[in-house]
Amino acid sequence: MNFTNFLDWRAKHISNQKFIYILSLITGVGCALAAYLLKSIIHLIQTFVTQLTNNEINYWYLIFPAIGIAIASFFVRRIVRDDISHGVTKILYAISQHKAIIKVHNCYSSVIASAITIGFGGSVGAEAPMVLTGSAIGSNLGKAFRMDQHTLMLLVGCGAAGAIGGIFKAPIAGVTFVMEVLLIDFTMSSIIPLLITSVTATSLSYFFSGSDYMFAFSDYKSFSLARVPYIIILGIVCGLVALYFTRGMNFLEGIFKRLKSPQIKLIIGGLMLGGLIFLFPPLYGEGYDTIISLLANNSDDTFAQSIFRNYKSESWGIIVYLGLIVFFKIFATAATNGAGGTGGVFAPSLFVGCLTGFIVAEVFCILGFDMPHQNFALAGMAGLMSAVMHAPLTGIFLIAELTGGYDLFMTLMITSTIAYITIIIFEPHSLYAMRLAQKGELLTHHKDRAVLTLMKMDNVIEKDFLTVSPEMNLGELVKVISQSHRNIFPVVEHYTNKLVGIVFLDEVRNIMFQPRLYDRFTVYKLMSIPPAKINVDMSMDRVMDIFEQSGAWNLPVVDDKGAYVGFVSKSKIFNIYRNVLVNFSEE
């Protein structure tokens, strides 16, 4: 039986919904295997690097991160030959613009590149590359079995949920992440495949690595109403730190993007990263050892192999030291990715959140308010992740599942909610989404906006309008009118094709049947200036805004040089909108 025959057999004997369940199960298995492989390679490389010296100061930190980035960069540029950075952003782009199609190499390339980058000390996380890997597994399974676009989108979400479940052992967080960050329109029939993939990946992860929590957490204080005002302050601080994290990362990545030479990027990024890790060893890798130490209220371990270790017994020394790490973390992360490494911001946001919570608790203690450091470190992780990703439910459930801190749900909920509210006052999009939002390529939970994003300018531009030149007289214009079935005539310059105006049939109807006027009027005298012009590269979201502001039903389209391209009409947009909406909402 060849594959085509199998597809025919499947269509006859297995319903589409049941087959989706099967594919979601297979996707979960693939995600778990990929997550285990990724964590194993990272651990293997890190063990080699960190045990290379037992000195109080590890000078290898100055060069090993750059070596890892160089190897990963070579792999991406020479072997993969594609951009695999910003994993979650690439998934959002695939959903918005590529019909949920993700390239085959993403099933393995992100795992290899991120494992090398992080293992050698790159200050990024493995989770976003893993999410891209999981989504690529789901997408390519769907393509292989000829599934429709709506199912492909669902399988991409399944892969992301399985990736979170597999790498964090957090099945609920995997589903909420997909709901909040990736997809748009959910029904109960689409929730079930997400649960299947997430639970499958998590179960296999338990099988591979045991049932222990990723960050074991037991020494905490029960929730108290008396601490609510301080928790609210923590949430505000997390929101503001997340704003710094989001905008700072975007700014620094923009600087590296303007550097064209990969070698220059590697030198600058490698030197910056190596120097920062040497000064602040907790910046090495994902930083999970630091999180474990702070959740145990043991800040001394963060000073290990640091030149600032003499200040670890002073409260102000701890605050300044950890504060500097929070400040420089975005520099280390941006340097890692900007220099050619591969990694995400999941782990950095957890890391910065943990330090932020610990610092806030330490400040309160100095001021005479005894606050539990572990509780605040835990809540800080939830708050910062919620704010950076604009996903409060994901932050709440992820931290509860990572640590077993279910008894502190109220603390997590308050911190996450306040942090999220704080950041959206200043920044409407998450770090993942802001790059696409700036280009008008982002799908959102607002269905009207999402459908407009799926629509393309090429499909709505009408080019069957007959053009006229400004020098034509009325007689020549009447001849053109007689040959056209349109009542609008764009006026363009003969040599440059630049649009200079529009002639409306209604405005010349009263004189077009008077031959004595044919030589008296020119098109230049009869034309009107359009109320607005649309650029051919504009997003449909922006086009609709212009229509609303101008009150027009037809608007000309021009290129960057002002040359005439065609017209866009509201009626054409509405017709295409209805068709896209039907396909978008189909189960």
Protein backbone atom coordinates (compact mmCIF):
# COMPACT_ATOMS: atom_id res chain seq x y z
CA MET A 1 0.00 0.00 0.00
CA ASN A 2 1.59 3.28 -1.08
CA PHE A 3 1.08 6.53 0.80
CA THR A 4 -1.66 7.82 -1.52
CA ASN A 5 -3.62 4.61 -1.02
CA PHE A 6 -3.17 4.96 2.72
CA LEU A 7 -4.60 8.49 2.60
CA ASP A 8 -7.62 7.18 0.70
CA TRP A 9 -8.04 4.34 3.21
CA ARG A 10 -7.76 6.80 6.10
CA ALA A 11 -10.40 9.09 4.62
CA LYS A 12 -12.81 6.14 4.34
CA HIS A 13 -12.21 4.46 7.70
CA ILE A 14 -11.02 7.16 10.15
CA SER A 15 -12.98 10.34 10.65
CA ASN A 16 -11.14 13.63 10.37
CA GLN A 17 -11.63 14.45 14.07
CA LYS A 18 -10.29 11.08 15.24
CA PHE A 19 -7.31 11.37 12.90
CA ILE A 20 -6.52 14.80 14.38
CA TYR A 21 -6.45 13.12 17.81
CA ILE A 22 -3.98 10.56 16.47
CA LEU A 23 -1.75 13.26 14.97
CA SER A 24 -1.86 15.26 18.22
CA LEU A 25 -0.72 12.14 20.11
CA ILE A 26 2.18 11.59 17.69
CA THR A 27 3.09 15.27 17.99
CA GLY A 28 3.23 14.91 21.78
CA VAL A 29 5.62 11.97 21.49
CA GLY A 30 7.86 13.94 19.12
CA CYS A 31 7.86 16.96 21.44
CA ALA A 32 8.85 14.87 24.45
CA LEU A 33 11.73 13.21 22.59
CA ALA A 34 12.97 16.56 21.26
CA ALA A 35 12.77 18.17 24.72
CA TYR A 36 14.70 15.29 26.32
CA LEU A 37 17.37 15.45 23.61
CA LEU A 38 17.69 19.21 23.98
CA LYS A 39 18.06 19.13 27.76
CA SER A 40 20.52 16.23 27.60
CA ILE A 41 22.83 17.98 25.13
CA ILE A 42 22.75 21.21 27.14
CA HIS A 43 23.54 19.37 30.37
CA LEU A 44 26.38 17.44 28.71
CA ILE A 45 28.07 20.57 27.37
CA GLN A 46 27.54 22.59 30.56
CA THR A 47 29.02 19.82 32.69
CA PHE A 48 32.14 19.87 30.54
CA VAL A 49 32.49 23.66 30.67
CA THR A 50 31.70 24.25 34.36
CA GLN A 51 33.92 21.41 35.59
CA LEU A 52 36.88 22.48 33.50
CA THR A 53 38.20 24.49 36.42
CA ASN A 54 37.59 24.53 40.15
CA ASN A 55 39.24 27.89 40.72
CA GLU A 56 37.43 30.62 42.62
CA ILE A 57 37.22 32.61 39.38
CA ASN A 58 36.47 30.81 36.11
CA TYR A 59 38.35 32.55 33.31
CA TRP A 60 36.90 30.11 30.78
CA TYR A 61 33.72 32.18 30.99
CA LEU A 62 35.52 34.82 28.93
CA ILE A 63 35.82 32.63 25.82
CA PHE A 64 33.48 29.61 25.98
CA PRO A 65 30.23 31.53 25.30
CA ALA A 66 31.75 33.03 22.15
CA ILE A 67 32.93 29.58 21.04
CA GLY A 68 29.40 28.21 21.43
CA ILE A 69 27.90 31.10 19.50
CA ALA A 70 30.47 30.70 16.73
CA ILE A 71 29.64 27.01 16.31
CA ALA A 72 25.88 27.63 16.41
CA SER A 73 26.20 30.54 13.97
CA PHE A 74 28.23 28.42 11.54
CA PHE A 75 25.61 25.66 11.76
CA VAL A 76 22.76 28.08 11.03
CA ARG A 77 24.46 30.08 8.26
CA ARG A 78 26.33 27.30 6.44
CA ILE A 79 24.24 24.17 7.03
CA VAL A 80 20.67 25.28 7.75
CA ARG A 81 20.95 28.46 5.64
CA ASP A 82 17.86 30.02 7.18
CA ASP A 83 16.93 32.37 10.02
CA ILE A 84 15.79 30.25 13.00
CA SER A 85 15.98 32.89 15.74
CA HIS A 86 12.96 34.29 17.62
CA GLY A 87 11.13 30.97 17.63
CA VAL A 88 7.76 32.16 18.92
CA THR A 89 7.79 35.16 16.58
CA LYS A 90 8.39 32.80 13.65
CA ILE A 91 5.40 30.71 14.73
CA LEU A 92 3.20 33.79 14.94
CA TYR A 93 4.40 34.78 11.46
CA ALA A 94 3.72 31.30 10.10
CA ILE A 95 0.17 31.41 11.47
CA SER A 96 -0.42 34.95 10.17
CA GLN A 97 1.27 34.86 6.79
CA HIS A 98 2.33 31.33 5.79
CA LYS A 99 -0.89 29.37 6.37
CA ALA A 100 0.66 27.63 9.41
CA ILE A 101 3.38 26.08 7.25
CA ILE A 102 6.76 25.73 9.00
CA LYS A 103 9.86 24.42 7.24
CA VAL A 104 10.96 20.82 7.84
CA HIS A 105 14.41 21.74 9.15
CA ASN A 106 12.82 23.52 12.11
CA CYS A 107 12.00 20.07 13.49
CA TYR A 108 15.67 19.69 14.42
CA SER A 109 17.70 22.82 13.60
CA SER A 110 16.53 24.88 16.60
CA VAL A 111 17.30 22.00 18.99
CA ILE A 112 20.87 21.66 17.76
CA ALA A 113 21.66 25.39 17.53
CA SER A 114 20.13 26.31 20.90
CA ALA A 115 21.73 23.34 22.69
CA ILE A 116 25.18 24.44 21.50
CA THR A 117 24.50 28.10 22.28
CA ILE A 118 23.19 27.51 25.81
CA GLY A 119 25.53 24.65 26.68
CA PHE A 120 28.56 26.87 26.13
CA GLY A 121 27.04 29.66 28.21
CA GLY A 122 24.73 31.66 25.94
CA SER A 123 22.46 33.70 28.22
CA VAL A 124 19.17 32.61 26.64
CA GLY A 125 16.50 29.97 27.10
CA ALA A 126 15.86 26.69 25.34
CA GLU A 127 12.09 26.93 25.57
CA ALA A 128 11.32 29.20 22.58
CA PRO A 129 13.48 27.07 20.21
CA MET A 130 11.72 24.03 21.65
CA VAL A 131 8.32 25.61 20.98
CA LEU A 132 9.37 26.24 17.38
CA THR A 133 10.52 22.63 17.13
CA GLY A 134 7.24 21.30 18.50
CA SER A 135 5.19 23.53 16.22
CA ALA A 136 7.29 22.43 13.23
CA ILE A 137 6.62 18.78 14.12
CA GLY A 138 2.87 19.43 14.22
CA SER A 139 2.89 21.50 11.02
CA ASN A 140 4.87 18.96 9.01
CA LEU A 141 2.79 16.04 10.26
CA GLY A 142 -0.29 17.91 9.07
CA LYS A 143 1.31 18.66 5.69
CA ALA A 144 2.40 15.05 5.24
CA PHE A 145 -1.18 13.83 5.71
CA ARG A 146 -2.68 16.61 3.52
CA MET A 147 -4.64 18.31 6.30
CA ASP A 148 -6.43 21.61 5.64
CA GLN A 149 -5.17 25.01 6.82
CA HIS A 150 -7.39 25.15 9.89
CA THR A 151 -6.08 21.75 11.04
CA LEU A 152 -2.50 22.80 10.31
CA MET A 153 -2.99 25.82 12.55
CA LEU A 154 -4.36 23.56 15.29
CA LEU A 155 -1.43 21.13 14.98
CA VAL A 156 1.02 24.04 15.20
CA GLY A 157 -0.68 24.93 18.48
CA CYS A 158 -0.51 21.30 19.60
CA GLY A 159 3.23 21.27 18.96
CA ALA A 160 3.70 24.43 21.03
CA ALA A 161 1.62 23.01 23.88
CA GLY A 162 3.57 19.76 23.75
CA ALA A 163 6.87 21.65 23.80
CA ILE A 164 5.93 23.54 26.97
CA GLY A 165 4.58 20.37 28.55
CA GLY A 166 7.64 18.36 27.58
CA ILE A 167 10.36 20.77 28.66
CA PHE A 168 8.67 22.18 31.79
CA LYS A 169 6.42 19.23 32.80
CA ALA A 170 3.63 21.79 32.75
CA PRO A 171 0.64 20.52 30.71
CA ILE A 172 -1.82 23.23 31.78
CA ALA A 173 0.67 25.99 31.05
CA GLY A 174 1.23 24.47 27.60
CA VAL A 175 -2.45 24.80 26.73
CA THR A 176 -2.83 28.30 28.21
CA PHE A 177 0.29 29.45 26.35
CA VAL A 178 -1.23 28.44 23.04
CA MET A 179 -4.55 30.06 23.91
CA GLU A 180 -3.02 33.36 25.06
CA VAL A 181 -0.02 33.76 22.78
CA LEU A 182 -0.47 31.79 19.57
CA LEU A 183 -3.97 31.01 18.40
CA ILE A 184 -7.13 32.99 18.00
CA ASP A 185 -10.37 31.07 17.79
CA PHE A 186 -11.09 28.07 20.02
CA THR A 187 -13.91 25.59 20.43
CA MET A 188 -14.07 22.52 22.65
CA SER A 189 -13.24 20.31 19.68
CA SER A 190 -9.93 22.13 19.22
CA ILE A 191 -9.06 22.15 22.95
CA ILE A 192 -9.02 18.33 23.12
CA PRO A 193 -6.08 17.87 20.69
CA LEU A 194 -4.09 20.46 22.65
CA LEU A 195 -4.70 18.54 25.86
CA ILE A 196 -3.76 15.23 24.23
CA THR A 197 -0.44 16.61 22.96
CA SER A 198 0.41 18.44 26.17
CA VAL A 199 -0.43 15.52 28.47
CA THR A 200 1.40 13.03 26.24
CA ALA A 201 4.57 15.13 26.15
CA THR A 202 4.44 15.75 29.92
CA SER A 203 3.87 12.08 30.73
CA LEU A 204 6.84 10.99 28.62
CA SER A 205 8.93 13.74 30.21
CA TYR A 206 8.11 12.26 33.61
CA PHE A 207 9.17 8.87 32.25
CA PHE A 208 12.49 10.19 30.94
CA SER A 209 13.54 12.44 33.83
CA GLY A 210 11.47 11.50 36.89
CA SER A 211 8.54 13.13 38.62
CA ASP A 212 10.40 15.84 40.54
CA TYR A 213 9.38 19.45 40.02
CA MET A 214 11.79 21.50 37.93
CA PHE A 215 12.23 23.92 40.84
CA ALA A 216 11.40 22.07 44.04
CA PHE A 217 9.72 24.53 46.39
CA SER A 218 8.49 23.67 49.87
CA ASP A 219 9.74 26.26 52.34
CA TYR A 220 7.15 28.99 51.84
CA LYS A 221 4.77 31.06 53.93
CA SER A 222 1.02 30.58 53.45
CA PHE A 223 -0.94 33.34 51.76
CA SER A 224 -1.87 36.20 54.07
CA LEU A 225 -4.17 39.16 53.45
CA ALA A 226 -1.74 41.37 55.33
CA ARG A 227 0.82 40.89 52.56
CA VAL A 228 -1.53 41.84 49.70
CA PRO A 229 -0.39 45.53 49.54
CA TYR A 230 3.23 44.40 49.28
CA ILE A 231 2.32 41.82 46.63
CA ILE A 232 0.60 44.58 44.63
CA ILE A 233 3.79 46.65 44.82
CA LEU A 234 5.72 43.61 43.63
CA GLY A 235 3.34 43.28 40.67
CA ILE A 236 3.87 46.93 39.69
CA VAL A 237 7.65 46.53 39.95
CA CYS A 238 7.49 43.37 37.81
CA GLY A 239 5.44 45.21 35.18
CA LEU A 240 7.97 48.05 35.02
CA VAL A 241 10.94 45.68 34.90
CA ALA A 242 9.15 43.75 32.14
CA LEU A 243 8.74 47.02 30.22
CA TYR A 244 12.48 47.62 30.52
CA PHE A 245 13.11 44.00 29.50
CA THR A 246 10.81 44.21 26.45
CA ARG A 247 11.87 47.57 25.07
CA GLY A 248 15.51 47.09 26.00
CA MET A 249 15.68 43.74 24.21
CA ASN A 250 13.97 45.15 21.14
CA PHE A 251 16.35 48.15 21.09
CA LEU A 252 19.53 46.10 21.53
CA GLU A 253 18.47 43.52 18.95
CA GLY A 254 17.85 46.40 16.54
CA ILE A 255 21.44 47.58 17.04
CA PHE A 256 22.83 44.11 16.26
CA LYS A 257 20.52 43.80 13.26
CA ARG A 258 22.06 46.94 11.73
CA LEU A 259 25.48 45.26 11.78
CA LYS A 260 25.76 43.45 8.44
CA SER A 261 28.92 41.40 8.98
CA PRO A 262 28.46 38.11 10.91
CA GLN A 263 32.08 38.33 12.02
CA ILE A 264 31.61 41.80 13.53
CA LYS A 265 28.46 40.61 15.28
CA LEU A 266 30.32 37.63 16.71
CA ILE A 267 33.24 39.71 17.96
CA ILE A 268 31.09 42.40 19.59
CA GLY A 269 28.50 40.01 20.99
CA GLY A 270 31.07 37.44 22.11
CA LEU A 271 33.20 40.00 23.93
CA MET A 272 30.14 41.58 25.58
CA LEU A 273 28.71 38.24 26.67
CA GLY A 274 32.01 36.81 27.89
CA GLY A 275 32.78 39.93 29.91
CA LEU A 276 29.33 40.03 31.51
CA ILE A 277 29.39 36.33 32.47
CA PHE A 278 32.88 36.73 33.92
CA LEU A 279 31.70 39.63 36.10
CA PHE A 280 28.31 38.07 36.90
CA PRO A 281 28.50 34.25 36.65
CA PRO A 282 24.70 33.81 37.18
CA LEU A 283 24.31 35.15 33.63
CA TYR A 284 25.83 31.90 32.34
CA GLY A 285 23.31 29.79 30.41
CA GLU A 286 19.67 29.63 31.40
CA GLY A 287 20.33 30.64 35.00
CA TYR A 288 18.21 27.89 36.53
CA ASP A 289 20.81 27.12 39.23
CA THR A 290 20.44 30.71 40.43
CA ILE A 291 16.65 30.34 40.55
CA ILE A 292 16.95 27.16 42.63
CA SER A 293 19.30 28.93 45.07
CA LEU A 294 17.05 31.97 45.51
CA LEU A 295 13.92 29.83 45.94
CA ALA A 296 15.81 28.17 48.79
CA ASN A 297 16.60 31.66 50.20
CA ASN A 298 20.27 31.07 49.60
CA SER A 299 21.73 34.12 47.89
CA ASP A 300 25.32 33.14 48.75
CA ASP A 301 25.47 30.67 45.84
CA THR A 302 24.85 33.49 43.35
CA PHE A 303 28.25 34.93 44.32
CA ALA A 304 30.12 31.71 43.46
CA GLN A 305 33.14 32.37 41.21
CA SER A 306 32.29 36.08 41.24
CA ILE A 307 34.79 38.86 41.83
CA PHE A 308 32.12 40.46 44.06
CA ARG A 309 31.89 37.49 46.45
CA ASN A 310 33.21 39.55 49.40
CA TYR A 311 29.91 41.48 49.49
CA LYS A 312 27.59 38.48 49.85
CA SER A 313 27.02 38.98 53.57
CA GLU A 314 25.78 42.55 53.23
CA SER A 315 22.11 43.25 52.48
CA TRP A 316 22.94 46.25 50.33
CA GLY A 317 25.62 44.19 48.56
CA ILE A 318 23.05 41.52 47.69
CA ILE A 319 20.58 44.11 46.38
CA VAL A 320 23.17 45.93 44.25
CA TYR A 321 24.70 42.70 42.93
CA LEU A 322 21.37 41.13 41.97
CA GLY A 323 20.12 44.48 40.65
CA LEU A 324 23.10 44.75 38.32
CA ILE A 325 22.43 41.21 37.06
CA VAL A 326 18.81 42.17 36.32
CA PHE A 327 20.01 45.28 34.49
CA PHE A 328 22.65 43.49 32.41
CA LYS A 329 20.61 40.36 31.65
CA ILE A 330 19.06 41.93 28.55
CA PHE A 331 22.54 42.88 27.33
CA ALA A 332 23.71 39.28 27.76
CA THR A 333 20.62 37.84 26.07
CA ALA A 334 20.69 40.32 23.18
CA ALA A 335 24.44 39.75 22.72
CA THR A 336 23.86 35.99 22.55
CA ASN A 337 21.20 36.17 19.85
CA GLY A 338 22.67 39.19 18.11
CA ALA A 339 26.07 37.53 17.76
CA GLY A 340 24.55 34.52 16.00
CA GLY A 341 23.38 32.28 18.83
CA THR A 342 19.94 30.73 19.09
CA GLY A 343 17.67 30.99 22.13
CA GLY A 344 14.54 32.51 23.56
CA VAL A 345 13.35 34.74 26.39
CA PHE A 346 11.37 32.19 28.42
CA ALA A 347 14.27 31.39 30.74
CA PRO A 348 15.58 34.98 30.87
CA SER A 349 12.15 36.25 31.93
CA LEU A 350 11.90 33.58 34.65
CA PHE A 351 15.44 34.40 35.76
CA VAL A 352 14.88 38.17 35.90
CA GLY A 353 11.52 37.68 37.61
CA CYS A 354 13.02 35.52 40.33
CA LEU A 355 15.77 38.06 41.02
CA THR A 356 13.29 40.93 40.96
CA GLY A 357 11.04 39.25 43.51
CA PHE A 358 13.99 38.43 45.77
CA ILE A 359 15.29 42.02 45.58
CA VAL A 360 11.86 43.48 46.43
CA ALA A 361 11.58 41.17 49.46
CA GLU A 362 15.09 42.15 50.59
CA VAL A 363 14.25 45.86 50.29
CA PHE A 364 11.08 45.36 52.34
CA CYS A 365 13.10 43.55 55.02
CA ILE A 366 15.60 46.41 55.20
CA LEU A 367 12.67 48.81 55.63
CA GLY A 368 11.40 46.76 58.54
CA PHE A 369 8.69 44.72 56.79
CA ASP A 370 9.44 41.01 57.09
CA MET A 371 8.52 39.52 53.72
CA PRO A 372 9.19 35.88 52.73
CA HIS A 373 11.92 35.90 50.10
CA GLN A 374 10.86 32.57 48.58
CA ASN A 375 7.27 33.67 48.10
CA PHE A 376 8.33 36.89 46.42
CA ALA A 377 10.91 35.17 44.21
CA LEU A 378 8.25 32.72 43.07
CA ALA A 379 5.66 35.46 42.48
CA GLY A 380 8.25 37.57 40.66
CA MET A 381 8.77 34.75 38.15
CA ALA A 382 5.03 34.61 37.45
CA GLY A 383 4.69 38.39 37.29
CA LEU A 384 7.55 39.04 34.90
CA MET A 385 6.68 36.19 32.57
CA SER A 386 3.02 37.30 32.49
CA ALA A 387 4.05 40.85 31.61
CA VAL A 388 6.74 40.01 29.04
CA MET A 389 4.54 37.52 27.18
CA HIS A 390 1.27 39.38 27.86
CA ALA A 391 -0.04 36.04 29.10
CA PRO A 392 -1.09 36.14 32.78
CA LEU A 393 -2.70 32.69 32.80
CA THR A 394 0.45 31.13 31.38
CA GLY A 395 2.57 32.86 34.03
CA ILE A 396 0.30 31.69 36.85
CA PHE A 397 -0.01 28.05 35.82
CA LEU A 398 3.57 27.67 34.60
CA ILE A 399 5.09 28.78 37.90
CA ALA A 400 2.65 26.67 39.91
CA GLU A 401 3.50 23.60 37.83
CA LEU A 402 7.25 24.28 37.79
CA THR A 403 7.51 24.59 41.56
CA GLY A 404 4.52 22.81 43.02
CA GLY A 405 3.53 26.12 44.63
CA TYR A 406 -0.19 25.54 44.17
CA ASP A 407 -0.91 26.84 47.67
CA LEU A 408 0.25 30.27 46.55
CA PHE A 409 -2.23 30.66 43.69
CA MET A 410 -3.59 33.90 45.16
CA THR A 411 -0.11 35.39 45.37
CA LEU A 412 0.66 34.34 41.80
CA MET A 413 -2.66 35.64 40.50
CA ILE A 414 -2.35 39.05 42.14
CA THR A 415 1.24 39.55 41.01
CA SER A 416 0.61 38.36 37.44
CA THR A 417 -2.54 40.44 37.02
CA ILE A 418 -0.98 43.65 38.35
CA ALA A 419 2.19 43.14 36.31
CA TYR A 420 0.15 42.57 33.15
CA ILE A 421 -2.03 45.62 33.75
CA THR A 422 1.07 47.71 34.41
CA ILE A 423 2.87 46.83 31.18
CA ILE A 424 -0.12 47.15 28.83
CA ILE A 425 -0.45 50.78 29.90
CA PHE A 426 2.87 51.40 28.15
CA GLU A 427 3.29 48.53 25.67
CA PRO A 428 0.30 47.01 23.81
CA HIS A 429 2.21 44.05 22.39
CA SER A 430 4.39 41.33 23.88
CA LEU A 431 8.06 40.99 23.00
CA TYR A 432 7.10 38.13 20.68
CA ALA A 433 4.39 40.07 18.87
CA MET A 434 5.76 43.60 18.66
CA ARG A 435 8.00 42.88 15.64
CA LEU A 436 5.07 41.59 13.59
CA ALA A 437 2.69 44.23 14.90
CA GLN A 438 5.00 46.95 13.59
CA LYS A 439 4.69 45.39 10.11
CA GLY A 440 0.94 44.78 10.36
CA GLU A 441 1.50 41.02 10.11
CA LEU A 442 0.20 39.97 13.52
CA LEU A 443 -2.87 37.84 14.10
CA THR A 444 -4.66 38.75 17.33
CA HIS A 445 -7.58 37.52 19.39
CA HIS A 446 -9.70 40.30 17.81
CA LYS A 447 -11.36 38.37 14.97
CA ASP A 448 -11.98 41.36 12.67
CA ARG A 449 -8.35 42.43 12.95
CA ALA A 450 -7.18 38.84 12.52
CA VAL A 451 -9.17 38.38 9.30
CA LEU A 452 -7.82 41.66 7.91
CA THR A 453 -4.29 40.41 8.66
CA LEU A 454 -4.95 37.30 6.60
CA MET A 455 -6.05 39.39 3.62
CA LYS A 456 -3.42 40.57 1.12
CA MET A 457 -3.25 43.81 -0.86
CA ASP A 458 -2.54 41.91 -4.08
CA ASN A 459 -5.98 40.30 -3.84
CA VAL A 460 -7.96 43.53 -3.43
CA ILE A 461 -6.23 45.87 -5.91
CA GLU A 462 -8.29 46.44 -9.07
CA LYS A 463 -6.30 47.35 -12.18
CA ASP A 464 -8.96 47.63 -14.89
CA PHE A 465 -9.25 51.43 -14.67
CA LEU A 466 -8.38 53.33 -17.85
CA THR A 467 -5.86 56.10 -17.16
CA VAL A 468 -5.79 59.60 -18.64
CA SER A 469 -3.06 62.23 -18.76
CA PRO A 470 -3.32 65.81 -17.45
CA GLU A 471 -2.79 67.24 -20.99
CA MET A 472 -5.80 65.51 -22.54
CA ASN A 473 -8.72 67.75 -23.52
CA LEU A 474 -12.36 66.99 -22.77
CA GLY A 475 -12.90 65.47 -26.22
CA GLU A 476 -10.13 62.93 -25.69
CA LEU A 477 -11.45 62.22 -22.20
CA VAL A 478 -14.92 61.48 -23.64
CA LYS A 479 -13.39 58.88 -25.99
CA VAL A 480 -11.73 57.13 -23.04
CA ILE A 481 -15.00 57.25 -21.07
CA SER A 482 -16.82 55.58 -23.95
CA GLN A 483 -14.40 52.64 -23.81
CA SER A 484 -14.57 52.13 -20.05
CA HIS A 485 -17.06 50.39 -17.76
CA ARG A 486 -15.78 52.35 -14.76
CA ASN A 487 -16.80 55.78 -13.52
CA ILE A 488 -13.39 56.75 -12.12
CA PHE A 489 -10.37 57.69 -14.21
CA PRO A 490 -6.92 58.03 -12.61
CA VAL A 491 -4.85 60.91 -13.96
CA VAL A 492 -1.18 59.94 -14.36
CA GLU A 493 1.84 61.70 -15.83
CA HIS A 494 2.86 60.18 -19.13
CA TYR A 495 6.57 59.57 -18.45
CA THR A 496 6.69 58.97 -14.69
CA ASN A 497 3.33 57.19 -14.27
CA LYS A 498 2.88 59.31 -11.15
CA LEU A 499 -0.69 59.73 -9.96
CA VAL A 500 -1.66 63.43 -9.90
CA GLY A 501 -5.45 63.27 -9.56
CA ILE A 502 -8.76 61.58 -10.34
CA VAL A 503 -11.60 62.37 -12.74
CA PHE A 504 -15.06 61.28 -11.61
CA LEU A 505 -17.63 60.59 -14.31
CA ASP A 506 -20.37 62.28 -12.30
CA GLU A 507 -18.40 65.52 -12.22
CA VAL A 508 -18.05 65.80 -16.03
CA ARG A 509 -21.39 64.29 -17.04
CA ASN A 510 -23.02 67.73 -17.44
CA ILE A 511 -20.43 68.93 -20.02
CA MET A 512 -19.35 65.74 -21.81
CA PHE A 513 -22.16 65.98 -24.39
CA GLN A 514 -21.28 69.55 -25.42
CA PRO A 515 -18.73 69.32 -28.29
CA ARG A 516 -18.13 73.05 -28.25
CA LEU A 517 -16.43 72.63 -24.86
CA TYR A 518 -14.15 69.77 -25.91
CA ASP A 519 -11.16 72.00 -26.61
CA ARG A 520 -11.81 74.41 -23.77
CA PHE A 521 -11.28 72.05 -20.85
CA THR A 522 -8.28 69.87 -20.09
CA VAL A 523 -8.18 66.89 -17.74
CA TYR A 524 -5.92 68.92 -15.46
CA LYS A 525 -8.75 71.44 -14.91
CA LEU A 526 -11.38 68.74 -14.43
CA MET A 527 -9.52 66.41 -12.07
CA SER A 528 -9.83 66.23 -8.29
CA ILE A 529 -7.25 65.38 -5.66
CA PRO A 530 -8.05 62.01 -4.04
CA PRO A 531 -9.02 62.25 -0.36
CA ALA A 532 -6.23 59.78 0.45
CA LYS A 533 -3.77 57.44 -1.19
CA ILE A 534 -2.93 53.87 -0.23
CA ASN A 535 0.60 52.54 -0.42
CA VAL A 536 0.91 49.16 -2.09
CA ASP A 537 2.85 47.79 0.94
CA MET A 538 0.31 48.84 3.59
CA SER A 539 -1.38 46.25 5.79
CA MET A 540 -5.11 45.73 5.35
CA ASP A 541 -5.60 46.90 8.91
CA ARG A 542 -4.07 50.26 8.01
CA VAL A 543 -6.02 50.41 4.72
CA MET A 544 -9.32 50.10 6.57
CA ASP A 545 -8.25 52.86 8.96
CA ILE A 546 -7.62 55.15 5.97
CA PHE A 547 -11.01 54.33 4.46
CA GLU A 548 -12.67 55.14 7.77
CA GLN A 549 -10.80 58.43 8.16
CA SER A 550 -11.38 59.60 4.56
CA GLY A 551 -15.00 58.47 4.21
CA ALA A 552 -14.23 57.31 0.66
CA TRP A 553 -15.48 54.15 -1.07
CA ASN A 554 -12.69 53.99 -3.66
CA LEU A 555 -9.06 54.99 -3.14
CA PRO A 556 -6.04 54.90 -5.48
CA VAL A 557 -3.02 52.70 -4.75
CA VAL A 558 0.50 53.97 -5.37
CA ASP A 559 4.00 52.65 -4.80
CA ASP A 560 6.76 54.27 -2.74
CA LYS A 561 7.57 56.68 -5.60
CA GLY A 562 3.95 57.76 -6.07
CA ALA A 563 3.46 55.76 -9.30
CA TYR A 564 -0.09 54.61 -9.98
CA VAL A 565 -0.80 50.91 -9.31
CA GLY A 566 -4.60 50.56 -9.18
CA PHE A 567 -7.65 51.15 -7.00
CA VAL A 568 -9.06 49.56 -3.87
CA SER A 569 -12.77 49.65 -3.18
CA LYS A 570 -14.62 49.01 0.07
CA SER A 571 -17.02 46.66 -1.69
CA LYS A 572 -14.14 44.47 -2.96
CA ILE A 573 -12.61 44.38 0.53
CA PHE A 574 -15.94 43.40 2.10
CA ASN A 575 -16.47 40.60 -0.42
CA ILE A 576 -13.03 39.12 0.19
CA TYR A 577 -13.45 39.68 3.93
CA ARG A 578 -16.58 37.52 3.95
CA ASN A 579 -14.80 34.69 2.13
CA VAL A 580 -11.77 34.79 4.43
CA LEU A 581 -14.00 34.94 7.51
CA VAL A 582 -15.84 31.79 6.42
CA ASN A 583 -12.56 29.87 5.93
CA PHE A 584 -11.09 31.33 9.12
CA SER A 585 -13.99 30.22 11.31
CA GLU A 586 -14.56 26.76 9.82
CA GLU A 587 -13.95 23.75 11.99
